[in-house]
Each structure stands twice: as structure tokens, then as C-alpha cells.
């Protein structure tokens, strides 16, 4: 499980995000669409159309950090909702499961590689 500072929230951006966006583009989305402060110290997670790439934006107090992970098989579990531009809040345990490719709503490992290469 990831250890986050007390009071840190994990916001999962609902919907599909253009994964060509970098630090500045995602920070503008947090501010404009999610109506949150990208410099709050909270984590903001985004997923692309193919569902195999997730990007997480985080302000560490000194600068913006961008973490990315791509799954080789399957995809990241994301909430389905008609709402555009919203976000839902996850716990750090749910975020850890999400990053591992596990369905954080019903925890079980989805896929494990048989061999390298």
C-alpha cells in the first residue's frame, strides 16, 4: 500500500483524458474542469481512451510531479458515469490496487505475466 501524507486525497478524473497532455495541460484540467487546486498536495489521476495508461499529477511542495504507468495487458478500472468533468475520491489503498491493475471496487489481481520478454 502507498503511504500518503495525512489529509492527502486521491481524485480520479471521470471520463477520458487526452494522454498527450503533460504537466501544464493536466494542471489546467485540474483547475478548469475538475475545479480543484493542482497545487493543493492532492493526487489527480487521469486515464486515456485505451485504458492501459494512467497519469497522476502531484504537487510535492516544491514542484509538480507527473507519474505514469502503462499496463501491457488489460486496462485500468475506471468509474463509468454520465458526468463529464467530475472526479471521485479514492483511498490510498484503492489507488495502490488501481496502479497494480486490480479492480479497486472488487479486489483481485487481473493479470500476471507468465515470463519476461
PDB file of N, CA and C in Angstrom:
ATOM      1  N   UNK A   1       0.835  -1.165   0.000  1.00  0.00           N
ATOM      2  CA  UNK A   1       0.000   0.000   0.000  1.00  0.00           C
ATOM      3  C   UNK A   1       0.889   1.240   0.000  1.00  0.00           C
ATOM      4  N   UNK A   2       0.468   2.253  -0.745  1.00  0.00           N
ATOM      5  CA  UNK A   2       1.207   3.511  -0.782  1.00  0.00           C
ATOM      6  C   UNK A   2       0.930   4.302   0.484  1.00  0.00           C
ATOM      7  N   UNK A   3       1.941   4.973   0.976  1.00  0.00           N
ATOM      8  CA  UNK A   3       1.760   5.823   2.141  1.00  0.00           C
ATOM      9  C   UNK A   3       1.711   7.267   1.681  1.00  0.00           C
ATOM     10  N   UNK A   4       0.582   7.899   1.918  1.00  0.00           N
ATOM     11  CA  UNK A   4       0.401   9.300   1.563  1.00  0.00           C
ATOM     12  C   UNK A   4       0.333  10.117   2.832  1.00  0.00           C
ATOM     13  N   UNK A   5       0.764  11.368   2.784  1.00  0.00           N
ATOM     14  CA  UNK A   5       0.656  12.220   3.966  1.00  0.00           C
ATOM     15  C   UNK A   5      -0.799  12.326   4.428  1.00  0.00           C
ATOM     16  N   UNK A   6      -0.995  12.477   5.728  1.00  0.00           N
ATOM     17  CA  UNK A   6      -2.351  12.594   6.273  1.00  0.00           C
ATOM     18  C   UNK A   6      -3.089  13.747   5.597  1.00  0.00           C
ATOM     19  N   UNK A   7      -4.325  13.524   5.261  1.00  0.00           N
ATOM     20  CA  UNK A   7      -5.145  14.554   4.643  1.00  0.00           C
ATOM     21  C   UNK A   7      -5.033  14.622   3.133  1.00  0.00           C
ATOM     22  N   UNK A   8      -4.148  13.811   2.550  1.00  0.00           N
ATOM     23  CA  UNK A   8      -3.994  13.802   1.090  1.00  0.00           C
ATOM     24  C   UNK A   8      -5.142  13.024   0.469  1.00  0.00           C
ATOM     25  N   UNK A   9      -5.775  13.627  -0.518  1.00  0.00           N
ATOM     26  CA  UNK A   9      -6.882  12.971  -1.214  1.00  0.00           C
ATOM     27  C   UNK A   9      -6.423  12.543  -2.599  1.00  0.00           C
ATOM     28  N   UNK A  10      -7.033  11.491  -3.102  1.00  0.00           N
ATOM     29  CA  UNK A  10      -6.742  10.987  -4.442  1.00  0.00           C
ATOM     30  C   UNK A  10      -7.991  11.199  -5.283  1.00  0.00           C
ATOM     31  N   UNK A  11      -7.888  12.069  -6.279  1.00  0.00           N
ATOM     32  CA  UNK A  11      -9.018  12.383  -7.161  1.00  0.00           C
ATOM     33  C   UNK A  11      -8.844  11.640  -8.474  1.00  0.00           C
ATOM     34  N   UNK A  12      -9.848  10.851  -8.836  1.00  0.00           N
ATOM     35  CA  UNK A  12      -9.856  10.131 -10.102  1.00  0.00           C
ATOM     36  C   UNK A  12     -10.721  10.933 -11.069  1.00  0.00           C
ATOM     37  N   UNK A  13     -10.119  11.467 -12.123  1.00  0.00           N
ATOM     38  CA  UNK A  13     -10.854  12.256 -13.106  1.00  0.00           C
ATOM     39  C   UNK A  13     -11.778  11.342 -13.893  1.00  0.00           C
ATOM     40  N   UNK A  14     -13.064  11.638 -13.866  1.00  0.00           N
ATOM     41  CA  UNK A  14     -14.056  10.828 -14.566  1.00  0.00           C
ATOM     42  C   UNK A  14     -13.959  11.112 -16.068  1.00  0.00           C
ATOM     43  N   UNK A  15     -14.075  10.073 -16.853  1.00  0.00           N
ATOM     44  CA  UNK A  15     -14.049  10.227 -18.299  1.00  0.00           C
ATOM     45  C   UNK A  15     -12.673   9.949 -18.879  1.00  0.00           C
ATOM     46  N   UNK A  16     -12.546  10.286 -20.157  1.00  0.00           N
ATOM     47  CA  UNK A  16     -11.329  10.007 -20.911  1.00  0.00           C
ATOM     48  C   UNK A  16     -10.522  11.293 -21.051  1.00  0.00           C
ATOM     49  N   UNK A  17      -9.209  11.176 -20.878  1.00  0.00           N
ATOM     50  CA  UNK A  17      -8.304  12.315 -20.981  1.00  0.00           C
ATOM     51  C   UNK A  17      -7.350  12.101 -22.141  1.00  0.00           C
ATOM     52  N   UNK A  18      -7.007  13.178 -22.833  1.00  0.00           N
ATOM     53  CA  UNK A  18      -6.009  13.140 -23.900  1.00  0.00           C
ATOM     54  C   UNK A  18      -4.647  12.909 -23.249  1.00  0.00           C
ATOM     55  N   UNK A  19      -4.065  11.731 -23.460  1.00  0.00           N
ATOM     56  CA  UNK A  19      -2.818  11.370 -22.792  1.00  0.00           C
ATOM     57  C   UNK A  19      -1.591  12.054 -23.390  1.00  0.00           C
ATOM     58  N   UNK A  20      -1.788  12.902 -24.400  1.00  0.00           N
ATOM     59  CA  UNK A  20      -0.678  13.701 -24.908  1.00  0.00           C
ATOM     60  C   UNK A  20      -0.380  14.873 -23.983  1.00  0.00           C
ATOM     61  N   UNK A  21      -1.289  15.160 -23.063  1.00  0.00           N
ATOM     62  CA  UNK A  21      -1.097  16.273 -22.131  1.00  0.00           C
ATOM     63  C   UNK A  21       0.023  15.964 -21.151  1.00  0.00           C
ATOM     64  N   UNK A  22       0.764  16.997 -20.820  1.00  0.00           N
ATOM     65  CA  UNK A  22       1.841  16.875 -19.849  1.00  0.00           C
ATOM     66  C   UNK A  22       1.474  17.591 -18.560  1.00  0.00           C
ATOM     67  N   UNK A  23       2.481  18.035 -17.830  1.00  0.00           N
ATOM     68  CA  UNK A  23       2.284  18.690 -16.538  1.00  0.00           C
ATOM     69  C   UNK A  23       1.331  19.877 -16.627  1.00  0.00           C
ATOM     70  N   UNK A  24       1.633  20.804 -17.528  1.00  0.00           N
ATOM     71  CA  UNK A  24       0.844  22.025 -17.608  1.00  0.00           C
ATOM     72  C   UNK A  24      -0.582  21.767 -18.084  1.00  0.00           C
ATOM     73  N   UNK A  25      -0.737  20.917 -19.096  1.00  0.00           N
ATOM     74  CA  UNK A  25      -2.068  20.613 -19.613  1.00  0.00           C
ATOM     75  C   UNK A  25      -2.948  19.933 -18.575  1.00  0.00           C
ATOM     76  N   UNK A  26      -2.388  18.983 -17.834  1.00  0.00           N
ATOM     77  CA  UNK A  26      -3.162  18.302 -16.794  1.00  0.00           C
ATOM     78  C   UNK A  26      -3.465  19.247 -15.634  1.00  0.00           C
ATOM     79  N   UNK A  27      -2.512  20.113 -15.275  1.00  0.00           N
ATOM     80  CA  UNK A  27      -2.762  21.091 -14.203  1.00  0.00           C
ATOM     81  C   UNK A  27      -3.893  22.038 -14.594  1.00  0.00           C
ATOM     82  N   UNK A  28      -3.947  22.436 -15.867  1.00  0.00           N
ATOM     83  CA  UNK A  28      -5.042  23.294 -16.328  1.00  0.00           C
ATOM     84  C   UNK A  28      -6.372  22.547 -16.289  1.00  0.00           C
ATOM     85  N   UNK A  29      -6.358  21.243 -16.585  1.00  0.00           N
ATOM     86  CA  UNK A  29      -7.591  20.444 -16.485  1.00  0.00           C
ATOM     87  C   UNK A  29      -8.074  20.357 -15.040  1.00  0.00           C
ATOM     88  N   UNK A  30      -7.129  20.151 -14.116  1.00  0.00           N
ATOM     89  CA  UNK A  30      -7.495  20.083 -12.696  1.00  0.00           C
ATOM     90  C   UNK A  30      -8.168  21.375 -12.278  1.00  0.00           C
ATOM     91  N   UNK A  31      -7.594  22.487 -12.707  1.00  0.00           N
ATOM     92  CA  UNK A  31      -8.106  23.790 -12.317  1.00  0.00           C
ATOM     93  C   UNK A  31      -9.407  24.135 -13.039  1.00  0.00           C
ATOM     94  N   UNK A  32      -9.458  23.920 -14.349  1.00  0.00           N
ATOM     95  CA  UNK A  32     -10.604  24.340 -15.132  1.00  0.00           C
ATOM     96  C   UNK A  32     -11.779  23.383 -15.121  1.00  0.00           C
ATOM     97  N   UNK A  33     -11.514  22.109 -15.331  1.00  0.00           N
ATOM     98  CA  UNK A  33     -12.603  21.130 -15.471  1.00  0.00           C
ATOM     99  C   UNK A  33     -12.984  20.509 -14.129  1.00  0.00           C
ATOM    100  N   UNK A  34     -11.983  20.076 -13.359  1.00  0.00           N
ATOM    101  CA  UNK A  34     -12.278  19.452 -12.065  1.00  0.00           C
ATOM    102  C   UNK A  34     -12.556  20.485 -10.974  1.00  0.00           C
ATOM    103  N   UNK A  35     -12.209  21.753 -11.254  1.00  0.00           N
ATOM    104  CA  UNK A  35     -12.409  22.854 -10.307  1.00  0.00           C
ATOM    105  C   UNK A  35     -11.739  22.583  -8.968  1.00  0.00           C
ATOM    106  N   UNK A  36     -10.493  22.099  -9.048  1.00  0.00           N
ATOM    107  CA  UNK A  36      -9.667  21.822  -7.879  1.00  0.00           C
ATOM    108  C   UNK A  36      -8.361  22.604  -8.022  1.00  0.00           C
ATOM    109  N   UNK A  37      -7.607  22.676  -6.956  1.00  0.00           N
ATOM    110  CA  UNK A  37      -6.315  23.353  -6.965  1.00  0.00           C
ATOM    111  C   UNK A  37      -5.217  22.328  -7.223  1.00  0.00           C
ATOM    112  N   UNK A  38      -4.530  22.417  -8.383  1.00  0.00           N
ATOM    113  CA  UNK A  38      -3.478  21.431  -8.674  1.00  0.00           C
ATOM    114  C   UNK A  38      -2.285  21.536  -7.725  1.00  0.00           C
ATOM    115  N   UNK A  39      -2.189  22.625  -6.970  1.00  0.00           N
ATOM    116  CA  UNK A  39      -1.075  22.831  -6.046  1.00  0.00           C
ATOM    117  C   UNK A  39      -1.488  22.576  -4.597  1.00  0.00           C
ATOM    118  N   UNK A  40      -2.525  21.793  -4.404  1.00  0.00           N
ATOM    119  CA  UNK A  40      -3.054  21.518  -3.070  1.00  0.00           C
ATOM    120  C   UNK A  40      -2.298  20.395  -2.354  1.00  0.00           C
ATOM    121  N   UNK A  41      -1.515  19.615  -3.085  1.00  0.00           N
ATOM    122  CA  UNK A  41      -0.835  18.471  -2.499  1.00  0.00           C
ATOM    123  C   UNK A  41      -1.636  17.187  -2.630  1.00  0.00           C
ATOM    124  N   UNK A  42      -2.817  17.275  -3.266  1.00  0.00           N
ATOM    125  CA  UNK A  42      -3.608  16.083  -3.527  1.00  0.00           C
ATOM    126  C   UNK A  42      -3.151  15.446  -4.839  1.00  0.00           C
ATOM    127  N   UNK A  43      -3.504  14.182  -5.050  1.00  0.00           N
ATOM    128  CA  UNK A  43      -3.153  13.475  -6.270  1.00  0.00           C
ATOM    129  C   UNK A  43      -4.339  13.505  -7.225  1.00  0.00           C
ATOM    130  N   UNK A  44      -4.041  13.676  -8.514  1.00  0.00           N
ATOM    131  CA  UNK A  44      -5.076  13.712  -9.543  1.00  0.00           C
ATOM    132  C   UNK A  44      -4.717  12.695 -10.618  1.00  0.00           C
ATOM    133  N   UNK A  45      -5.577  11.695 -10.798  1.00  0.00           N
ATOM    134  CA  UNK A  45      -5.304  10.595 -11.725  1.00  0.00           C
ATOM    135  C   UNK A  45      -6.172  10.734 -12.968  1.00  0.00           C
ATOM    136  N   UNK A  46      -5.557  10.445 -14.132  1.00  0.00           N
ATOM    137  CA  UNK A  46      -6.226  10.549 -15.425  1.00  0.00           C
ATOM    138  C   UNK A  46      -5.971   9.281 -16.221  1.00  0.00           C
ATOM    139  N   UNK A  47      -6.973   8.897 -17.038  1.00  0.00           N
ATOM    140  CA  UNK A  47      -6.849   7.699 -17.873  1.00  0.00           C
ATOM    141  C   UNK A  47      -7.190   8.042 -19.314  1.00  0.00           C
ATOM    142  N   UNK A  48      -6.491   7.404 -20.252  1.00  0.00           N
ATOM    143  CA  UNK A  48      -6.729   7.626 -21.670  1.00  0.00           C
ATOM    144  C   UNK A  48      -7.813   6.723 -22.226  1.00  0.00           C
ATOM    145  N   UNK A  49      -8.054   6.860 -23.514  1.00  0.00           N
ATOM    146  CA  UNK A  49      -9.115   6.119 -24.200  1.00  0.00           C
ATOM    147  C   UNK A  49      -8.871   4.616 -24.189  1.00  0.00           C
ATOM    148  N   UNK A  50      -7.619   4.187 -24.381  1.00  0.00           N
ATOM    149  CA  UNK A  50      -7.306   2.759 -24.433  1.00  0.00           C
ATOM    150  C   UNK A  50      -7.344   2.093 -23.063  1.00  0.00           C
ATOM    151  N   UNK A  51      -7.364   2.863 -22.000  1.00  0.00           N
ATOM    152  CA  UNK A  51      -7.445   2.379 -20.617  1.00  0.00           C
ATOM    153  C   UNK A  51      -6.191   1.661 -20.141  1.00  0.00           C
ATOM    154  N   UNK A  52      -5.112   1.669 -20.941  1.00  0.00           N
ATOM    155  CA  UNK A  52      -3.897   0.986 -20.496  1.00  0.00           C
ATOM    156  C   UNK A  52      -2.845   1.952 -19.941  1.00  0.00           C
ATOM    157  N   UNK A  53      -3.146   3.258 -19.929  1.00  0.00           N
ATOM    158  CA  UNK A  53      -2.214   4.261 -19.437  1.00  0.00           C
ATOM    159  C   UNK A  53      -2.903   5.148 -18.415  1.00  0.00           C
ATOM    160  N   UNK A  54      -2.224   5.357 -17.300  1.00  0.00           N
ATOM    161  CA  UNK A  54      -2.735   6.272 -16.276  1.00  0.00           C
ATOM    162  C   UNK A  54      -1.623   7.265 -15.952  1.00  0.00           C
ATOM    163  N   UNK A  55      -2.015   8.528 -15.747  1.00  0.00           N
ATOM    164  CA  UNK A  55      -1.082   9.572 -15.338  1.00  0.00           C
ATOM    165  C   UNK A  55      -1.605  10.184 -14.042  1.00  0.00           C
ATOM    166  N   UNK A  56      -0.671  10.431 -13.119  1.00  0.00           N
ATOM    167  CA  UNK A  56      -1.024  11.010 -11.822  1.00  0.00           C
ATOM    168  C   UNK A  56      -0.220  12.279 -11.625  1.00  0.00           C
ATOM    169  N   UNK A  57      -0.929  13.364 -11.351  1.00  0.00           N
ATOM    170  CA  UNK A  57      -0.316  14.670 -11.128  1.00  0.00           C
ATOM    171  C   UNK A  57      -0.283  14.946  -9.632  1.00  0.00           C
ATOM    172  N   UNK A  58       0.858  15.452  -9.153  1.00  0.00           N
ATOM    173  CA  UNK A  58       1.031  15.666  -7.713  1.00  0.00           C
ATOM    174  C   UNK A  58       1.959  16.857  -7.476  1.00  0.00           C
ATOM    175  N   UNK A  59       1.578  17.746  -6.588  1.00  0.00           N
ATOM    176  CA  UNK A  59       2.415  18.868  -6.153  1.00  0.00           C
ATOM    177  C   UNK A  59       3.075  18.467  -4.851  1.00  0.00           C
ATOM    178  N   UNK A  60       4.409  18.393  -4.831  1.00  0.00           N
ATOM    179  CA  UNK A  60       5.115  17.928  -3.631  1.00  0.00           C
ATOM    180  C   UNK A  60       5.569  19.066  -2.727  1.00  0.00           C
ATOM    181  N   UNK A  61       5.140  20.279  -3.034  1.00  0.00           N
ATOM    182  CA  UNK A  61       5.520  21.435  -2.235  1.00  0.00           C
ATOM    183  C   UNK A  61       6.668  22.206  -2.852  1.00  0.00           C
ATOM    184  N   UNK A  62       7.336  21.571  -3.805  1.00  0.00           N
ATOM    185  CA  UNK A  62       8.483  22.193  -4.457  1.00  0.00           C
ATOM    186  C   UNK A  62       8.291  22.273  -5.966  1.00  0.00           C
ATOM    187  N   UNK A  63       7.473  21.394  -6.505  1.00  0.00           N
ATOM    188  CA  UNK A  63       7.228  21.362  -7.944  1.00  0.00           C
ATOM    189  C   UNK A  63       6.194  20.313  -8.287  1.00  0.00           C
ATOM    190  N   UNK A  64       5.694  20.379  -9.526  1.00  0.00           N
ATOM    191  CA  UNK A  64       4.717  19.401  -9.993  1.00  0.00           C
ATOM    192  C   UNK A  64       5.427  18.114 -10.397  1.00  0.00           C
ATOM    193  N   UNK A  65       4.848  16.989 -10.009  1.00  0.00           N
ATOM    194  CA  UNK A  65       5.357  15.665 -10.374  1.00  0.00           C
ATOM    195  C   UNK A  65       4.321  14.987 -11.262  1.00  0.00           C
ATOM    196  N   UNK A  66       4.785  14.270 -12.258  1.00  0.00           N
ATOM    197  CA  UNK A  66       3.896  13.526 -13.132  1.00  0.00           C
ATOM    198  C   UNK A  66       4.352  12.073 -13.138  1.00  0.00           C
ATOM    199  N   UNK A  67       3.492  11.199 -12.643  1.00  0.00           N
ATOM    200  CA  UNK A  67       3.765   9.768 -12.619  1.00  0.00           C
ATOM    201  C   UNK A  67       2.914   9.114 -13.695  1.00  0.00           C
ATOM    202  N   UNK A  68       3.470   8.153 -14.393  1.00  0.00           N
ATOM    203  CA  UNK A  68       2.732   7.455 -15.445  1.00  0.00           C
ATOM    204  C   UNK A  68       2.989   5.961 -15.338  1.00  0.00           C
ATOM    205  N   UNK A  69       1.956   5.177 -15.684  1.00  0.00           N
ATOM    206  CA  UNK A  69       2.116   3.722 -15.739  1.00  0.00           C
ATOM    207  C   UNK A  69       1.276   3.205 -16.884  1.00  0.00           C
ATOM    208  N   UNK A  70       1.875   2.291 -17.663  1.00  0.00           N
ATOM    209  CA  UNK A  70       1.175   1.650 -18.765  1.00  0.00           C
ATOM    210  C   UNK A  70       1.129   0.164 -18.502  1.00  0.00           C
ATOM    211  N   UNK A  71      -0.051  -0.419 -18.630  1.00  0.00           N
ATOM    212  CA  UNK A  71      -0.208  -1.868 -18.495  1.00  0.00           C
ATOM    213  C   UNK A  71      -0.033  -2.516 -19.866  1.00  0.00           C
ATOM    214  N   UNK A  72       0.666  -3.643 -19.905  1.00  0.00           N
ATOM    215  CA  UNK A  72       0.873  -4.338 -21.167  1.00  0.00           C
ATOM    216  C   UNK A  72      -0.370  -5.101 -21.607  1.00  0.00           C
ATOM    217  N   UNK A  73      -1.096  -5.643 -20.649  1.00  0.00           N
ATOM    218  CA  UNK A  73      -2.336  -6.345 -20.962  1.00  0.00           C
ATOM    219  C   UNK A  73      -3.404  -5.842 -20.023  1.00  0.00           C
ATOM    220  N   UNK A  74      -4.641  -5.954 -20.416  1.00  0.00           N
ATOM    221  CA  UNK A  74      -5.816  -5.471 -19.689  1.00  0.00           C
ATOM    222  C   UNK A  74      -5.777  -3.954 -19.599  1.00  0.00           C
ATOM    223  N   UNK A  75      -6.486  -3.401 -18.660  1.00  0.00           N
ATOM    224  CA  UNK A  75      -6.557  -1.954 -18.529  1.00  0.00           C
ATOM    225  C   UNK A  75      -6.878  -1.561 -17.101  1.00  0.00           C
ATOM    226  N   UNK A  76      -6.820  -0.278 -16.846  1.00  0.00           N
ATOM    227  CA  UNK A  76      -7.127   0.248 -15.524  1.00  0.00           C
ATOM    228  C   UNK A  76      -8.638   0.363 -15.358  1.00  0.00           C
ATOM    229  N   UNK A  77      -9.120  -0.044 -14.191  1.00  0.00           N
ATOM    230  CA  UNK A  77     -10.545   0.046 -13.894  1.00  0.00           C
ATOM    231  C   UNK A  77     -10.889   1.489 -13.583  1.00  0.00           C
ATOM    232  N   UNK A  78     -11.881   2.008 -14.283  1.00  0.00           N
ATOM    233  CA  UNK A  78     -12.280   3.405 -14.128  1.00  0.00           C
ATOM    234  C   UNK A  78     -13.783   3.473 -13.935  1.00  0.00           C
ATOM    235  N   UNK A  79     -14.259   4.433 -13.165  1.00  0.00           N
ATOM    236  CA  UNK A  79     -15.708   4.522 -12.946  1.00  0.00           C
ATOM    237  C   UNK A  79     -16.450   4.909 -14.226  1.00  0.00           C
ATOM    238  N   UNK A  80     -17.619   4.330 -14.397  1.00  0.00           N
ATOM    239  CA  UNK A  80     -18.478   4.671 -15.533  1.00  0.00           C
ATOM    240  C   UNK A  80     -19.574   5.586 -15.013  1.00  0.00           C
ATOM    241  N   UNK A  81     -19.648   6.756 -15.604  1.00  0.00           N
ATOM    242  CA  UNK A  81     -20.666   7.709 -15.196  1.00  0.00           C
ATOM    243  C   UNK A  81     -20.958   8.638 -16.356  1.00  0.00           C
ATOM    244  N   UNK A  82     -22.146   9.182 -16.377  1.00  0.00           N
ATOM    245  CA  UNK A  82     -22.539  10.122 -17.418  1.00  0.00           C
ATOM    246  C   UNK A  82     -21.999  11.513 -17.159  1.00  0.00           C
ATOM    247  N   UNK A  83     -21.507  11.737 -15.964  1.00  0.00           N
ATOM    248  CA  UNK A  83     -20.994  13.048 -15.593  1.00  0.00           C
ATOM    249  C   UNK A  83     -19.678  13.325 -16.308  1.00  0.00           C
ATOM    250  N   UNK A  84     -19.568  14.507 -16.897  1.00  0.00           N
ATOM    251  CA  UNK A  84     -18.336  14.890 -17.577  1.00  0.00           C
ATOM    252  C   UNK A  84     -17.615  15.921 -16.735  1.00  0.00           C
ATOM    253  N   UNK A  85     -16.318  15.722 -16.541  1.00  0.00           N
ATOM    254  CA  UNK A  85     -15.523  16.702 -15.834  1.00  0.00           C
ATOM    255  C   UNK A  85     -15.532  16.572 -14.328  1.00  0.00           C
ATOM    256  N   UNK A  86     -16.110  15.533 -13.805  1.00  0.00           N
ATOM    257  CA  UNK A  86     -16.121  15.352 -12.368  1.00  0.00           C
ATOM    258  C   UNK A  86     -14.976  14.473 -11.910  1.00  0.00           C
ATOM    259  N   UNK A  87     -14.941  14.231 -10.620  1.00  0.00           N
ATOM    260  CA  UNK A  87     -13.934  13.322 -10.080  1.00  0.00           C
ATOM    261  C   UNK A  87     -14.536  12.579  -8.901  1.00  0.00           C
ATOM    262  N   UNK A  88     -13.954  11.431  -8.601  1.00  0.00           N
ATOM    263  CA  UNK A  88     -14.326  10.707  -7.397  1.00  0.00           C
ATOM    264  C   UNK A  88     -13.067  10.573  -6.544  1.00  0.00           C
ATOM    265  N   UNK A  89     -13.249  10.401  -5.265  1.00  0.00           N
ATOM    266  CA  UNK A  89     -12.123  10.322  -4.335  1.00  0.00           C
ATOM    267  C   UNK A  89     -11.874   8.870  -3.953  1.00  0.00           C
ATOM    268  N   UNK A  90     -10.603   8.448  -4.033  1.00  0.00           N
ATOM    269  CA  UNK A  90     -10.192   7.105  -3.646  1.00  0.00           C
ATOM    270  C   UNK A  90      -9.350   7.174  -2.381  1.00  0.00           C
ATOM    271  N   UNK A  91      -9.282   6.055  -1.690  1.00  0.00           N
ATOM    272  CA  UNK A  91      -8.354   5.932  -0.571  1.00  0.00           C
ATOM    273  C   UNK A  91      -6.977   5.565  -1.130  1.00  0.00           C
ATOM    274  N   UNK A  92      -5.956   5.649  -0.299  1.00  0.00           N
ATOM    275  CA  UNK A  92      -4.625   5.272  -0.767  1.00  0.00           C
ATOM    276  C   UNK A  92      -4.562   3.779  -1.088  1.00  0.00           C
ATOM    277  N   UNK A  93      -5.315   2.957  -0.366  1.00  0.00           N
ATOM    278  CA  UNK A  93      -5.349   1.513  -0.645  1.00  0.00           C
ATOM    279  C   UNK A  93      -5.991   1.259  -2.012  1.00  0.00           C
ATOM    280  N   UNK A  94      -7.073   1.972  -2.327  1.00  0.00           N
ATOM    281  CA  UNK A  94      -7.712   1.820  -3.632  1.00  0.00           C
ATOM    282  C   UNK A  94      -6.781   2.282  -4.749  1.00  0.00           C
ATOM    283  N   UNK A  95      -6.036   3.363  -4.513  1.00  0.00           N
ATOM    284  CA  UNK A  95      -5.071   3.829  -5.510  1.00  0.00           C
ATOM    285  C   UNK A  95      -3.991   2.782  -5.749  1.00  0.00           C
ATOM    286  N   UNK A  96      -3.500   2.151  -4.693  1.00  0.00           N
ATOM    287  CA  UNK A  96      -2.491   1.107  -4.833  1.00  0.00           C
ATOM    288  C   UNK A  96      -3.009  -0.047  -5.679  1.00  0.00           C
ATOM    289  N   UNK A  97      -4.254  -0.444  -5.458  1.00  0.00           N
ATOM    290  CA  UNK A  97      -4.848  -1.517  -6.251  1.00  0.00           C
ATOM    291  C   UNK A  97      -5.007  -1.085  -7.699  1.00  0.00           C
ATOM    292  N   UNK A  98      -5.460   0.137  -7.918  1.00  0.00           N
ATOM    293  CA  UNK A  98      -5.633   0.660  -9.267  1.00  0.00           C
ATOM    294  C   UNK A  98      -4.318   0.614 -10.031  1.00  0.00           C
ATOM    295  N   UNK A  99      -3.233   1.076  -9.420  1.00  0.00           N
ATOM    296  CA  UNK A  99      -1.925   1.112 -10.066  1.00  0.00           C
ATOM    297  C   UNK A  99      -1.423  -0.294 -10.402  1.00  0.00           C
ATOM    298  N   UNK A 100      -1.789  -1.278  -9.589  1.00  0.00           N
ATOM    299  CA  UNK A 100      -1.378  -2.659  -9.846  1.00  0.00           C
ATOM    300  C   UNK A 100      -2.254  -3.356 -10.886  1.00  0.00           C
ATOM    301  N   UNK A 101      -3.268  -2.667 -11.399  1.00  0.00           N
ATOM    302  CA  UNK A 101      -4.148  -3.270 -12.389  1.00  0.00           C
ATOM    303  C   UNK A 101      -5.248  -4.108 -11.781  1.00  0.00           C
ATOM    304  N   UNK A 102      -5.482  -3.941 -10.491  1.00  0.00           N
ATOM    305  CA  UNK A 102      -6.519  -4.683  -9.781  1.00  0.00           C
ATOM    306  C   UNK A 102      -7.779  -3.832  -9.736  1.00  0.00           C
ATOM    307  N   UNK A 103      -8.926  -4.452  -9.926  1.00  0.00           N
ATOM    308  CA  UNK A 103     -10.192  -3.725  -9.821  1.00  0.00           C
ATOM    309  C   UNK A 103     -10.372  -3.296  -8.375  1.00  0.00           C
ATOM    310  N   UNK A 104     -10.214  -2.014  -8.099  1.00  0.00           N
ATOM    311  CA  UNK A 104     -10.252  -1.496  -6.742  1.00  0.00           C
ATOM    312  C   UNK A 104     -11.638  -1.577  -6.128  1.00  0.00           C
ATOM    313  N   UNK A 105     -12.667  -1.827  -6.952  1.00  0.00           N
ATOM    314  CA  UNK A 105     -14.024  -1.973  -6.417  1.00  0.00           C
ATOM    315  C   UNK A 105     -14.248  -3.388  -5.903  1.00  0.00           C
ATOM    316  N   UNK A 106     -13.610  -4.388  -6.551  1.00  0.00           N
ATOM    317  CA  UNK A 106     -13.675  -5.798  -6.161  1.00  0.00           C
ATOM    318  C   UNK A 106     -12.255  -6.331  -6.242  1.00  0.00           C
ATOM    319  N   UNK A 107     -11.478  -6.217  -5.157  1.00  0.00           N
ATOM    320  CA  UNK A 107     -10.040  -6.520  -5.224  1.00  0.00           C
ATOM    321  C   UNK A 107      -9.722  -7.969  -5.570  1.00  0.00           C
ATOM    322  N   UNK A 108      -9.073  -8.162  -6.715  1.00  0.00           N
ATOM    323  CA  UNK A 108      -8.469  -9.424  -7.119  1.00  0.00           C
ATOM    324  C   UNK A 108      -7.534  -9.105  -8.262  1.00  0.00           C
ATOM    325  N   UNK A 109      -6.413  -9.790  -8.347  1.00  0.00           N
ATOM    326  CA  UNK A 109      -5.441  -9.497  -9.377  1.00  0.00           C
ATOM    327  C   UNK A 109      -5.977  -9.949 -10.724  1.00  0.00           C
ATOM    328  N   UNK A 110      -5.876  -9.065 -11.730  1.00  0.00           N
ATOM    329  CA  UNK A 110      -6.443  -9.325 -13.042  1.00  0.00           C
ATOM    330  C   UNK A 110      -5.507 -10.148 -13.924  1.00  0.00           C
ATOM    331  N   UNK A 111      -4.230  -9.802 -13.964  1.00  0.00           N
ATOM    332  CA  UNK A 111      -3.308 -10.453 -14.881  1.00  0.00           C
ATOM    333  C   UNK A 111      -1.902 -10.399 -14.311  1.00  0.00           C
ATOM    334  N   UNK A 112      -1.151 -11.453 -14.550  1.00  0.00           N
ATOM    335  CA  UNK A 112       0.255 -11.504 -14.148  1.00  0.00           C
ATOM    336  C   UNK A 112       1.034 -12.113 -15.299  1.00  0.00           C
ATOM    337  N   UNK A 113       2.153 -11.495 -15.692  1.00  0.00           N
ATOM    338  CA  UNK A 113       2.911 -12.031 -16.825  1.00  0.00           C
ATOM    339  C   UNK A 113       3.457 -13.419 -16.524  1.00  0.00           C
ATOM    340  N   UNK A 114       3.462 -14.287 -17.544  1.00  0.00           N
ATOM    341  CA  UNK A 114       3.977 -15.649 -17.402  1.00  0.00           C
ATOM    342  C   UNK A 114       5.500 -15.674 -17.452  1.00  0.00           C
ATOM    343  N   UNK A 115       6.082 -14.820 -18.335  1.00  0.00           N
ATOM    344  CA  UNK A 115       7.533 -14.745 -18.426  1.00  0.00           C
ATOM    345  C   UNK A 115       7.927 -13.381 -19.001  1.00  0.00           C
ATOM    346  N   UNK A 116       9.141 -13.014 -18.782  1.00  0.00           N
ATOM    347  CA  UNK A 116       9.654 -11.734 -19.289  1.00  0.00           C
ATOM    348  C   UNK A 116       9.938 -11.840 -20.779  1.00  0.00           C
ATOM    349  N   UNK A 117       9.718 -10.734 -21.491  1.00  0.00           N
ATOM    350  CA  UNK A 117      10.062 -10.689 -22.917  1.00  0.00           C
ATOM    351  C   UNK A 117       9.046 -11.246 -23.743  1.00  0.00           C
TER     352      UNK A 117
END
